[in-house]
C-alpha atoms as a PDB file:
ATOM      1  CA  UNK A   1     100.605  81.227 113.114  1.00  0.00           C
ATOM      2  CA  UNK A   2     100.427  81.892 109.040  1.00  0.00           C
ATOM      3  CA  UNK A   3     103.527  81.158 106.676  1.00  0.00           C
ATOM      4  CA  UNK A   4     104.638  82.950 103.647  1.00  0.00           C
ATOM      5  CA  UNK A   5     104.533  80.558 100.653  1.00  0.00           C
ATOM      6  CA  UNK A   6     107.278  82.290  98.806  1.00  0.00           C
ATOM      7  CA  UNK A   7     104.937  84.965  97.312  1.00  0.00           C
ATOM      8  CA  UNK A   8     105.403  88.003  96.925  1.00  0.00           C
ATOM      9  CA  UNK A   9     102.845  90.918  98.055  1.00  0.00           C
ATOM     10  CA  UNK A  10     102.139  92.324  94.758  1.00  0.00           C
ATOM     11  CA  UNK A  11     101.532  96.372  94.993  1.00  0.00           C
ATOM     12  CA  UNK A  12      98.499  98.015  93.304  1.00  0.00           C
ATOM     13  CA  UNK A  13      99.512 100.454  90.713  1.00  0.00           C
ATOM     14  CA  UNK A  14      97.934 103.813  91.028  1.00  0.00           C
ATOM     15  CA  UNK A  15      96.516 104.705  87.848  1.00  0.00           C
ATOM     16  CA  UNK A  16      95.059 108.032  86.858  1.00  0.00           C
ATOM     17  CA  UNK A  17      92.711 107.855  83.524  1.00  0.00           C
ATOM     18  CA  UNK A  18      91.860 111.322  81.971  1.00  0.00           C
ATOM     19  CA  UNK A  19      89.587 110.845  78.907  1.00  0.00           C
ATOM     20  CA  UNK A  20      89.688 114.320  76.574  1.00  0.00           C
ATOM     21  CA  UNK A  21      86.528 114.631  74.704  1.00  0.00           C
ATOM     22  CA  UNK A  22      87.729 117.472  71.783  1.00  0.00           C
ATOM     23  CA  UNK A  23      83.762 119.576  70.944  1.00  0.00           C
ATOM     24  CA  UNK A  24      84.216 122.204  68.511  1.00  0.00           C
ATOM     25  CA  UNK A  25      85.691 125.001  70.534  1.00  0.00           C
ATOM     26  CA  UNK A  26      86.133 123.500  74.075  1.00  0.00           C
ATOM     27  CA  UNK A  27      88.175 120.130  75.684  1.00  0.00           C
ATOM     28  CA  UNK A  28      86.007 118.698  78.657  1.00  0.00           C
ATOM     29  CA  UNK A  29      88.348 116.661  80.932  1.00  0.00           C
ATOM     30  CA  UNK A  30      86.573 113.533  83.181  1.00  0.00           C
ATOM     31  CA  UNK A  31      89.232 112.611  85.824  1.00  0.00           C
ATOM     32  CA  UNK A  32      88.873 108.638  87.109  1.00  0.00           C
ATOM     33  CA  UNK A  33      89.771 109.124  90.181  1.00  0.00           C
ATOM     34  CA  UNK A  34      92.058 106.054  91.924  1.00  0.00           C
ATOM     35  CA  UNK A  35      89.781 105.421  94.526  1.00  0.00           C
ATOM     36  CA  UNK A  36      87.023 105.485  91.195  1.00  0.00           C
ATOM     37  CA  UNK A  37      84.823 108.484  92.283  1.00  0.00           C
ATOM     38  CA  UNK A  38      84.640 110.915  89.191  1.00  0.00           C
ATOM     39  CA  UNK A  39      85.364 114.631  88.809  1.00  0.00           C
ATOM     40  CA  UNK A  40      84.746 116.832  85.949  1.00  0.00           C
ATOM     41  CA  UNK A  41      86.372 119.548  84.602  1.00  0.00           C
ATOM     42  CA  UNK A  42      85.978 121.744  81.457  1.00  0.00           C
ATOM     43  CA  UNK A  43      88.772 123.907  79.922  1.00  0.00           C
ATOM     44  CA  UNK A  44      87.543 125.686  77.259  1.00  0.00           C
ATOM     45  CA  UNK A  45      90.811 126.064  75.561  1.00  0.00           C
ATOM     46  CA  UNK A  46      93.996 124.041  75.098  1.00  0.00           C
ATOM     47  CA  UNK A  47      96.295 126.476  77.045  1.00  0.00           C
ATOM     48  CA  UNK A  48      94.544 125.425  79.961  1.00  0.00           C
ATOM     49  CA  UNK A  49      95.928 121.853  79.502  1.00  0.00           C
ATOM     50  CA  UNK A  50      99.235 123.089  78.911  1.00  0.00           C
ATOM     51  CA  UNK A  51      99.192 124.643  82.206  1.00  0.00           C
ATOM     52  CA  UNK A  52      97.971 121.658  84.110  1.00  0.00           C
ATOM     53  CA  UNK A  53     100.670 119.416  81.585  1.00  0.00           C
ATOM     54  CA  UNK A  54     103.745 121.290  80.567  1.00  0.00           C
ATOM     55  CA  UNK A  55     107.714 121.007  81.429  1.00  0.00           C
ATOM     56  CA  UNK A  56     107.588 122.819  85.119  1.00  0.00           C
ATOM     57  CA  UNK A  57     105.039 120.360  86.361  1.00  0.00           C
ATOM     58  CA  UNK A  58     106.582 117.477  84.978  1.00  0.00           C
ATOM     59  CA  UNK A  59     109.657 118.380  86.537  1.00  0.00           C
ATOM     60  CA  UNK A  60     108.193 118.593  90.155  1.00  0.00           C
ATOM     61  CA  UNK A  61     106.342 115.210  89.373  1.00  0.00           C
ATOM     62  CA  UNK A  62     110.312 113.849  88.192  1.00  0.00           C
ATOM     63  CA  UNK A  63     111.955 115.994  91.477  1.00  0.00           C
ATOM     64  CA  UNK A  64     109.307 114.628  93.975  1.00  0.00           C
ATOM     65  CA  UNK A  65     109.966 111.155  92.716  1.00  0.00           C
ATOM     66  CA  UNK A  66     113.953 110.740  92.348  1.00  0.00           C
ATOM     67  CA  UNK A  67     114.162 113.068  95.250  1.00  0.00           C
ATOM     68  CA  UNK A  68     111.847 112.819  98.220  1.00  0.00           C
ATOM     69  CA  UNK A  69     111.994 116.647  99.089  1.00  0.00           C
ATOM     70  CA  UNK A  70     110.728 117.048 103.040  1.00  0.00           C
ATOM     71  CA  UNK A  71     108.375 119.937 101.877  1.00  0.00           C
ATOM     72  CA  UNK A  72     107.239 122.325  99.109  1.00  0.00           C
ATOM     73  CA  UNK A  73     110.262 124.494 100.314  1.00  0.00           C
ATOM     74  CA  UNK A  74     112.690 122.529 100.118  1.00  0.00           C
ATOM     75  CA  UNK A  75     111.426 121.525  96.528  1.00  0.00           C
ATOM     76  CA  UNK A  76     111.333 124.556  95.454  1.00  0.00           C
ATOM     77  CA  UNK A  77     115.305 124.667  96.563  1.00  0.00           C
ATOM     78  CA  UNK A  78     115.766 121.427  94.651  1.00  0.00           C
ATOM     79  CA  UNK A  79     114.596 122.986  91.720  1.00  0.00           C
ATOM     80  CA  UNK A  80     115.886 126.624  91.758  1.00  0.00           C
ATOM     81  CA  UNK A  81     112.764 128.226  91.481  1.00  0.00           C
ATOM     82  CA  UNK A  82     110.823 131.267  93.278  1.00  0.00           C
ATOM     83  CA  UNK A  83     108.912 128.927  96.210  1.00  0.00           C
ATOM     84  CA  UNK A  84     105.471 130.793  95.232  1.00  0.00           C
ATOM     85  CA  UNK A  85     105.944 130.039  91.967  1.00  0.00           C
ATOM     86  CA  UNK A  86     106.561 126.223  93.334  1.00  0.00           C
ATOM     87  CA  UNK A  87     103.762 126.269  95.581  1.00  0.00           C
ATOM     88  CA  UNK A  88     101.087 127.243  92.710  1.00  0.00           C
ATOM     89  CA  UNK A  89     102.159 124.644  90.712  1.00  0.00           C
ATOM     90  CA  UNK A  90     101.975 121.603  93.510  1.00  0.00           C
ATOM     91  CA  UNK A  91      98.542 123.709  94.568  1.00  0.00           C
ATOM     92  CA  UNK A  92      97.715 122.863  90.925  1.00  0.00           C
ATOM     93  CA  UNK A  93      98.781 119.335  90.729  1.00  0.00           C
ATOM     94  CA  UNK A  94      97.459 118.848  93.607  1.00  0.00           C
ATOM     95  CA  UNK A  95      93.835 119.522  92.677  1.00  0.00           C
ATOM     96  CA  UNK A  96      94.374 117.042  89.673  1.00  0.00           C
ATOM     97  CA  UNK A  97      95.077 114.623  91.880  1.00  0.00           C
ATOM     98  CA  UNK A  98      98.692 114.066  90.264  1.00  0.00           C
ATOM     99  CA  UNK A  99     100.419 114.280  93.765  1.00  0.00           C
ATOM    100  CA  UNK A 100      99.592 114.026  97.405  1.00  0.00           C
ATOM    101  CA  UNK A 101     100.932 116.864 100.447  1.00  0.00           C
ATOM    102  CA  UNK A 102     101.394 114.960 103.695  1.00  0.00           C
ATOM    103  CA  UNK A 103     100.803 117.751 106.915  1.00  0.00           C
ATOM    104  CA  UNK A 104     104.345 117.375 108.777  1.00  0.00           C
ATOM    105  CA  UNK A 105     106.111 118.721 111.535  1.00  0.00           C
ATOM    106  CA  UNK A 106     109.599 119.360 110.804  1.00  0.00           C
ATOM    107  CA  UNK A 107     111.387 120.777 114.089  1.00  0.00           C
ATOM    108  CA  UNK A 108     109.717 123.335 115.785  1.00  0.00           C
ATOM    109  CA  UNK A 109     107.719 123.982 112.037  1.00  0.00           C
ATOM    110  CA  UNK A 110     104.607 122.246 110.447  1.00  0.00           C
ATOM    111  CA  UNK A 111     105.160 121.456 106.843  1.00  0.00           C
ATOM    112  CA  UNK A 112     103.628 120.261 103.736  1.00  0.00           C
ATOM    113  CA  UNK A 113     105.603 116.864 102.453  1.00  0.00           C
ATOM    114  CA  UNK A 114     105.075 116.182  98.903  1.00  0.00           C
ATOM    115  CA  UNK A 115     104.725 112.451  96.603  1.00  0.00           C
ATOM    116  CA  UNK A 116     103.220 111.695  93.765  1.00  0.00           C
ATOM    117  CA  UNK A 117      99.651 110.011  94.034  1.00  0.00           C
ATOM    118  CA  UNK A 118      99.928 108.264  90.692  1.00  0.00           C
ATOM    119  CA  UNK A 119     102.617 105.171  89.105  1.00  0.00           C
ATOM    120  CA  UNK A 120     101.456 106.177  85.739  1.00  0.00           C
ATOM    121  CA  UNK A 121      99.009 108.738  83.944  1.00  0.00           C
ATOM    122  CA  UNK A 122      96.532 107.411  81.027  1.00  0.00           C
ATOM    123  CA  UNK A 123      95.587 109.877  78.768  1.00  0.00           C
ATOM    124  CA  UNK A 124      92.567 109.005  75.661  1.00  0.00           C
ATOM    125  CA  UNK A 125      91.597 111.914  73.435  1.00  0.00           C
ATOM    126  CA  UNK A 126      88.503 111.058  71.710  1.00  0.00           C
ATOM    127  CA  UNK A 127      87.220 113.275  68.343  1.00  0.00           C
ATOM    128  CA  UNK A 128      83.563 113.940  68.006  1.00  0.00           C
END
């Protein structure tokens, strides 16, 4: 039997690092996944960056963290937004590893429960 000597278990902080390389005419993103894998996303315009990191997506992340909704439908109700629009935003956030979706059974229905996949997001901008 191992006795606890008063040490608290420290949870590992989940951080996503985004390196933005600015080149003439385009932006290239390199996302480092929490597990250490690398994925590359190529964006041709600043508008694409805004699409991923806009105010509506920030509201979604904050609402998930604050209210812990049981489904995307519950999230849409909390945000007072159209379900289809929220679902598309959630799928985009999932694609970039900012949230995770877990399949759960709620009554007789199966649904996707969103959760924030990281504790912090660090963005580095490098001008070449």
